[in-house]
């Protein structure tokens, strides 16, 4: 069964407002760690260590507010490079030679989750409620970009976001991602991006999802997740991956798409079936979507690692004035240290 076999008004996923699927056990399948990263352009000193632009403070403060017992990790240029040197030397050359700060940040989110597990969240992510129940049932949870983003930017049915990732340490999917990056770097591929499109492709390869399966759906086995086919590996398996309904983590379409969506949806005659489906969803749900009762995270779309954003004048705030207790990887000794205000 394929996406075009179901009515347009059904969209890309169930339209639901229920609690996130969890387990009765108190066991954590995903450790209670929050990882956030700030790496400055051409930063080879300590100038960005343990300081963040003031524009992110209001977002960052929400994580300890709702998750006071979680460990908050902060990663900088120096701490990131030291971690690679100690544990992933095969990726150090790639980190050192990329000219894009966003590529370094993309690499490090995969590395720190592989090493420590937990949640990686971009600095412009807001936490709206406690995250404990998210960590009980699945060993790895990936977050989709809103379907409007994929339909408009890629003319495709979905794209996996890498700005919010929950995963246990040593998950083989993350190992697969890091191996791919290392192999490409060793093969002299030059500059290559490892963001959402790359991440989506890695998910498909890991779960043996072919190009022909991109529009395949598995609606009858659906448990609230998006309809698309996710391979044969059980989502509750220790090495499995659960794809969450966008209502929980990332539901608001990118604000810059508003005009383009309005234009395309006003005359759909020559539009693809994916974009016609997108238009049906927007007509039903609207473009502006506030968080629901069960929403955990929202995203501000600041593109903080873009070249333009990096060149802006910023006021930096010491991390200890934002997060009262944080953990970091010492760039001299390689030990884990905790700072309390």
Protein backbone atom coordinates (compact mmCIF):
# COMPACT_ATOMS: atom_id res chain seq x y z
CA UNK A 1 0.00 0.00 0.00
CA UNK A 2 1.30 3.44 -0.92
CA UNK A 3 0.65 7.01 0.19
CA UNK A 4 -1.50 7.80 -2.85
CA UNK A 5 -3.83 4.94 -1.89
CA UNK A 6 -5.26 6.83 1.07
CA UNK A 7 -7.39 10.02 0.94
CA UNK A 8 -5.54 13.34 0.87
CA UNK A 9 -7.36 14.55 3.96
CA UNK A 10 -5.75 11.76 6.00
CA UNK A 11 -2.47 13.59 5.58
CA UNK A 12 0.81 11.91 6.47
CA UNK A 13 0.05 10.70 9.99
CA UNK A 14 -2.81 10.17 12.45
CA UNK A 15 -4.22 13.44 13.78
CA UNK A 16 -4.19 12.64 17.46
CA UNK A 17 -4.09 14.29 20.86
CA UNK A 18 -3.09 11.53 23.29
CA UNK A 19 -0.24 10.93 25.72
CA UNK A 20 3.10 9.73 24.35
CA UNK A 21 3.41 5.91 24.38
CA UNK A 22 5.37 4.81 27.41
CA UNK A 23 5.95 1.79 29.66
CA UNK A 24 4.88 1.02 33.22
CA UNK A 25 8.43 0.16 34.25
CA UNK A 26 10.64 2.76 35.93
CA UNK A 27 13.59 1.55 33.85
CA UNK A 28 15.15 4.16 31.57
CA UNK A 29 15.92 2.86 28.11
CA UNK A 30 17.30 6.28 27.22
CA UNK A 31 19.45 7.93 29.92
CA UNK A 32 18.32 11.21 31.43
CA UNK A 33 20.91 13.46 29.79
CA UNK A 34 20.38 16.69 27.86
CA UNK A 35 23.14 17.64 25.41
CA UNK A 36 23.46 21.10 23.88
CA UNK A 37 26.24 22.49 21.71
CA UNK A 38 27.62 25.92 20.87
CA UNK A 39 30.63 26.18 18.54
CA UNK A 40 31.76 29.53 17.20
CA UNK A 41 33.13 30.19 13.71
CA UNK A 42 36.89 29.63 13.50
CA UNK A 43 37.00 28.97 17.20
CA UNK A 44 40.28 27.35 18.13
CA UNK A 45 40.51 28.95 21.57
CA UNK A 46 38.40 29.02 24.69
CA UNK A 47 36.36 32.07 23.71
CA UNK A 48 33.09 30.16 23.38
CA UNK A 49 33.69 27.75 26.23
CA UNK A 50 30.88 27.80 28.76
CA UNK A 51 29.20 30.89 27.32
CA UNK A 52 26.17 31.22 25.06
CA UNK A 53 24.51 34.00 23.06
CA UNK A 54 21.83 35.70 25.14
CA UNK A 55 19.20 34.96 22.47
CA UNK A 56 19.15 31.31 23.59
CA UNK A 57 18.89 31.79 27.34
CA UNK A 58 15.09 31.69 27.55
CA UNK A 59 15.02 28.38 25.67
CA UNK A 60 17.86 26.71 27.56
CA UNK A 61 16.38 27.48 30.97
CA UNK A 62 13.31 25.37 30.20
CA UNK A 63 15.21 22.06 30.30
CA UNK A 64 16.32 22.13 33.96
CA UNK A 65 13.00 23.75 34.88
CA UNK A 66 11.01 20.70 33.83
CA UNK A 67 13.76 18.09 34.21
CA UNK A 68 15.67 19.02 37.39
CA UNK A 69 17.05 15.51 37.89
CA UNK A 70 18.47 15.19 34.38
CA UNK A 71 22.18 15.76 33.72
CA UNK A 72 22.81 18.79 31.51
CA UNK A 73 25.86 18.49 29.22
CA UNK A 74 27.28 21.48 27.38
CA UNK A 75 29.67 21.05 24.46
CA UNK A 76 32.04 23.63 22.92
CA UNK A 77 34.76 23.61 20.28
CA UNK A 78 37.42 22.58 22.79
CA UNK A 79 35.42 19.93 24.64
CA UNK A 80 34.19 18.49 21.35
CA UNK A 81 37.65 18.26 19.89
CA UNK A 82 39.02 16.61 23.02
CA UNK A 83 36.25 14.00 23.00
CA UNK A 84 37.04 13.16 19.37
CA UNK A 85 40.75 12.99 20.10
CA UNK A 86 40.15 10.59 22.98
CA UNK A 87 37.38 8.37 21.63
CA UNK A 88 36.93 8.93 17.88
CA UNK A 89 40.32 9.87 16.41
CA UNK A 90 39.12 8.66 13.01
CA UNK A 91 36.74 11.67 12.94
CA UNK A 92 39.18 14.31 14.17
CA UNK A 93 40.53 15.19 10.73
CA UNK A 94 36.99 15.71 9.45
CA UNK A 95 36.17 17.98 12.40
CA UNK A 96 39.35 20.01 11.98
CA UNK A 97 39.09 20.45 8.23
CA UNK A 98 35.45 21.30 7.72
CA UNK A 99 34.90 25.01 7.10
CA UNK A 100 31.28 24.97 8.26
CA UNK A 101 30.48 25.35 11.94
CA UNK A 102 27.13 23.66 11.40
CA UNK A 103 28.89 20.53 10.12
CA UNK A 104 30.97 20.34 13.29
CA UNK A 105 27.81 20.72 15.35
CA UNK A 106 26.05 18.03 13.30
CA UNK A 107 28.95 15.64 13.83
CA UNK A 108 29.11 16.24 17.55
CA UNK A 109 25.43 15.61 18.21
CA UNK A 110 25.86 12.11 16.79
CA UNK A 111 29.08 11.56 18.74
CA UNK A 112 27.87 12.71 22.16
CA UNK A 113 24.66 10.70 21.88
CA UNK A 114 26.64 7.63 20.87
CA UNK A 115 28.99 8.05 23.82
CA UNK A 116 26.58 9.15 26.55
CA UNK A 117 23.02 8.75 25.29
CA UNK A 118 20.11 11.03 26.14
CA UNK A 119 18.50 13.92 24.28
CA UNK A 120 20.30 16.25 21.91
CA UNK A 121 18.39 19.52 21.39
CA UNK A 122 19.29 22.64 19.42
CA UNK A 123 19.74 25.73 21.59
CA UNK A 124 16.54 27.29 20.24
CA UNK A 125 14.44 24.37 21.50
CA UNK A 126 11.89 24.96 24.25
CA UNK A 127 10.92 22.21 26.68
CA UNK A 128 7.28 22.44 27.75
CA UNK A 129 6.94 19.57 30.23
CA UNK A 130 8.90 16.74 31.90
CA UNK A 131 10.54 14.28 29.52
CA UNK A 132 10.81 11.22 31.77
CA UNK A 133 8.02 9.21 30.12
CA UNK A 134 9.69 9.59 26.71
CA UNK A 135 12.66 7.51 27.85
CA UNK A 136 10.91 4.32 29.00
CA UNK A 137 9.57 2.40 25.99
CA UNK A 138 11.99 2.96 23.11
CA UNK A 139 15.78 2.89 22.86
CA UNK A 140 15.97 5.53 20.13
CA UNK A 141 13.42 8.13 19.02
CA UNK A 142 13.80 10.24 15.91
CA UNK A 143 11.85 13.41 15.25
CA UNK A 144 10.39 14.32 11.87
CA UNK A 145 10.43 17.80 10.44
CA UNK A 146 6.88 19.03 9.83
CA UNK A 147 5.57 17.41 6.66
CA UNK A 148 5.09 20.83 5.07
CA UNK A 149 8.84 21.38 5.30
CA UNK A 150 9.60 18.15 3.43
CA UNK A 151 6.87 18.71 0.84
CA UNK A 152 7.98 22.26 0.05
CA UNK A 153 11.75 21.90 0.30
CA UNK A 154 12.18 18.38 -1.07
CA UNK A 155 8.87 17.58 -2.75
CA UNK A 156 9.07 14.42 -0.66
CA UNK A 157 6.87 12.71 1.92
CA UNK A 158 9.11 13.16 4.97
CA UNK A 159 12.45 14.25 6.36
CA UNK A 160 14.00 13.36 9.69
CA UNK A 161 15.20 16.31 11.75
CA UNK A 162 18.55 16.14 13.53
CA UNK A 163 17.83 19.10 15.82
CA UNK A 164 16.11 16.87 18.38
CA UNK A 165 17.26 13.26 18.88
CA UNK A 166 16.64 10.83 21.74
CA UNK A 167 18.83 7.73 21.82
CA UNK A 168 20.56 5.30 24.15
CA UNK A 169 24.34 5.23 24.27
CA UNK A 170 26.09 2.89 21.85
CA UNK A 171 23.01 2.49 19.69
CA UNK A 172 24.07 0.76 16.43
CA UNK A 173 22.23 3.34 14.34
CA UNK A 174 24.49 6.09 15.67
CA UNK A 175 27.51 3.84 15.14
CA UNK A 176 26.32 3.33 11.55
CA UNK A 177 26.08 7.10 11.05
CA UNK A 178 29.55 7.74 12.45
CA UNK A 179 31.07 4.93 10.38
CA UNK A 180 29.57 6.43 7.23
CA UNK A 181 31.06 9.84 8.01
CA UNK A 182 34.47 8.33 8.76
CA UNK A 183 34.45 6.29 5.53
CA UNK A 184 33.51 9.30 3.40
CA UNK A 185 36.19 11.40 5.04
CA UNK A 186 38.82 8.68 4.54
CA UNK A 187 37.84 8.35 0.89
CA UNK A 188 38.66 12.02 0.35
CA UNK A 189 35.10 13.04 -0.44
CA UNK A 190 35.95 16.62 0.49
CA UNK A 191 33.29 18.80 2.03
CA UNK A 192 29.96 17.08 2.52
CA UNK A 193 26.95 17.89 4.65
CA UNK A 194 25.73 15.58 7.38
CA UNK A 195 22.49 17.31 8.33
CA UNK A 196 18.82 16.27 8.00
CA UNK A 197 18.93 14.91 4.44
CA UNK A 198 22.01 12.83 5.22
CA UNK A 199 20.44 11.69 8.51
CA UNK A 200 17.23 10.66 6.73
CA UNK A 201 19.22 8.64 4.21
CA UNK A 202 21.13 6.91 6.99
CA UNK A 203 17.87 5.95 8.69
CA UNK A 204 16.59 4.38 5.47
CA UNK A 205 19.80 2.45 4.92
CA UNK A 206 19.95 1.24 8.52
CA UNK A 207 16.38 -0.07 8.29
CA UNK A 208 16.82 -1.46 4.75
CA UNK A 209 14.25 0.90 3.26
CA UNK A 210 14.74 1.16 -0.50
CA UNK A 211 14.01 4.17 -2.69
CA UNK A 212 10.96 2.31 -3.96
CA UNK A 213 9.71 2.10 -0.37
CA UNK A 214 9.85 5.87 0.20
CA UNK A 215 6.13 6.23 -0.57
CA UNK A 216 5.12 2.89 0.89
CA UNK A 217 2.94 3.00 4.01
CA UNK A 218 2.15 0.60 6.82
CA UNK A 219 -1.06 2.14 8.07
CA UNK A 220 -2.61 -1.03 9.44
CA UNK A 221 0.21 -1.60 11.91
CA UNK A 222 0.17 2.04 12.94
CA UNK A 223 0.59 3.03 16.58
CA UNK A 224 0.16 6.78 16.24
CA UNK A 225 3.36 7.26 14.25
CA UNK A 226 3.50 8.70 10.72
CA UNK A 227 2.17 6.35 8.07
CA UNK A 228 5.35 5.76 6.06
CA UNK A 229 7.02 2.34 5.97
CA UNK A 230 9.72 2.02 8.62
CA UNK A 231 11.26 -1.34 7.83
CA UNK A 232 10.78 -4.67 9.56
CA UNK A 233 12.77 -4.13 12.76
CA UNK A 234 10.42 -3.83 15.79
CA UNK A 235 10.42 -0.27 17.13
CA UNK A 236 10.70 -1.56 20.70
CA UNK A 237 13.78 -3.64 19.90
CA UNK A 238 16.98 -2.71 21.73
CA UNK A 239 18.43 -1.67 18.36
CA UNK A 240 15.15 -0.33 16.97
CA UNK A 241 14.07 3.21 16.15
CA UNK A 242 10.73 4.82 16.91
CA UNK A 243 9.49 7.69 14.72
CA UNK A 244 7.29 10.02 16.74
CA UNK A 245 4.16 11.81 15.58
CA UNK A 246 5.10 15.43 14.90
CA UNK A 247 2.57 16.63 17.49
CA UNK A 248 4.97 15.69 20.28
CA UNK A 249 8.19 17.37 19.24
CA UNK A 250 8.17 19.43 16.04
CA UNK A 251 4.81 20.37 14.55
CA UNK A 252 5.09 23.98 13.40
CA UNK A 253 6.06 24.42 9.71
CA UNK A 254 8.99 26.70 8.97
CA UNK A 255 7.72 30.31 9.03
CA UNK A 256 9.44 31.20 5.75
CA UNK A 257 7.24 28.67 3.94
CA UNK A 258 3.98 30.49 4.66
CA UNK A 259 3.88 32.46 1.40
CA UNK A 260 5.04 29.58 -0.77
CA UNK A 261 2.47 27.20 0.68
CA UNK A 262 -0.31 29.73 0.19
CA UNK A 263 0.71 30.24 -3.44
CA UNK A 264 1.02 26.54 -4.28
CA UNK A 265 -2.20 25.62 -2.53
CA UNK A 266 -4.18 28.35 -4.29
CA UNK A 267 -3.72 26.54 -7.61
CA UNK A 268 -2.89 22.85 -7.26
CA UNK A 269 -3.50 21.66 -10.82
CA UNK A 270 0.16 21.06 -11.62
CA UNK A 271 1.31 20.19 -8.12
CA UNK A 272 2.66 16.78 -7.09
CA UNK A 273 0.50 14.43 -5.06
CA UNK A 274 2.71 15.07 -2.03
CA UNK A 275 2.10 18.80 -2.21
CA UNK A 276 -1.61 18.31 -2.78
CA UNK A 277 -1.64 16.21 0.38
CA UNK A 278 0.27 18.96 2.17
CA UNK A 279 -2.37 21.48 1.07
CA UNK A 280 -5.12 19.24 2.44
CA UNK A 281 -3.32 19.11 5.78
CA UNK A 282 -2.85 22.89 5.92
CA UNK A 283 -6.49 23.45 5.02
CA UNK A 284 -7.51 21.12 7.84
CA UNK A 285 -5.04 22.15 10.53
CA UNK A 286 -3.96 25.64 9.50
CA UNK A 287 -0.39 26.87 9.21
CA UNK A 288 0.07 28.28 12.71
CA UNK A 289 0.03 25.51 15.31
CA UNK A 290 0.42 26.14 18.98
CA UNK A 291 1.57 23.30 21.22
CA UNK A 292 -1.03 20.78 22.31
CA UNK A 293 -1.59 19.31 25.75
CA UNK A 294 0.93 16.55 25.04
CA UNK A 295 3.63 18.54 23.23
CA UNK A 296 7.09 18.19 24.79
CA UNK A 297 9.29 20.41 22.63
CA UNK A 298 8.98 23.33 20.23
CA UNK A 299 11.61 24.81 17.92
CA UNK A 300 12.25 28.47 17.09
CA UNK A 301 13.96 28.03 13.67
CA UNK A 302 16.79 30.43 14.46
CA UNK A 303 19.35 28.72 12.15
CA UNK A 304 21.93 29.66 14.75
CA UNK A 305 24.81 27.90 13.00
CA UNK A 306 24.24 29.54 9.62
CA UNK A 307 27.04 31.75 8.30
CA UNK A 308 24.82 34.84 8.46
CA UNK A 309 23.78 34.18 12.05
CA UNK A 310 27.34 33.50 13.12
CA UNK A 311 28.46 36.91 11.83
CA UNK A 312 25.91 38.79 13.92
CA UNK A 313 27.14 40.70 16.93
CA UNK A 314 26.18 38.74 20.02
CA UNK A 315 26.13 39.29 23.74
CA UNK A 316 27.56 36.22 25.44
CA UNK A 317 26.27 35.02 28.79
CA UNK A 318 28.30 32.72 31.07
CA UNK A 319 26.68 29.30 31.13
CA UNK A 320 26.73 29.14 34.93
CA UNK A 321 24.31 32.08 35.06
CA UNK A 322 21.89 30.20 32.78
CA UNK A 323 22.19 26.58 33.98
CA UNK A 324 22.75 26.22 37.73
CA UNK A 325 24.30 22.75 37.40
CA UNK A 326 25.98 21.52 34.24
CA UNK A 327 28.42 18.83 33.18
CA UNK A 328 31.24 19.10 30.67
CA UNK A 329 34.11 17.09 29.21
CA UNK A 330 37.34 18.66 30.38
CA UNK A 331 39.37 19.73 27.35
CA UNK A 332 42.66 19.20 29.20
CA UNK A 333 42.18 15.96 31.11
CA UNK A 334 39.31 14.27 29.28
CA UNK A 335 37.46 13.77 32.54
CA UNK A 336 33.78 14.48 33.19
CA UNK A 337 33.28 17.47 35.47
CA UNK A 338 30.23 19.10 36.99
CA UNK A 339 29.82 22.78 37.88
CA UNK A 340 27.22 24.05 40.34
CA UNK A 341 26.28 27.67 40.83
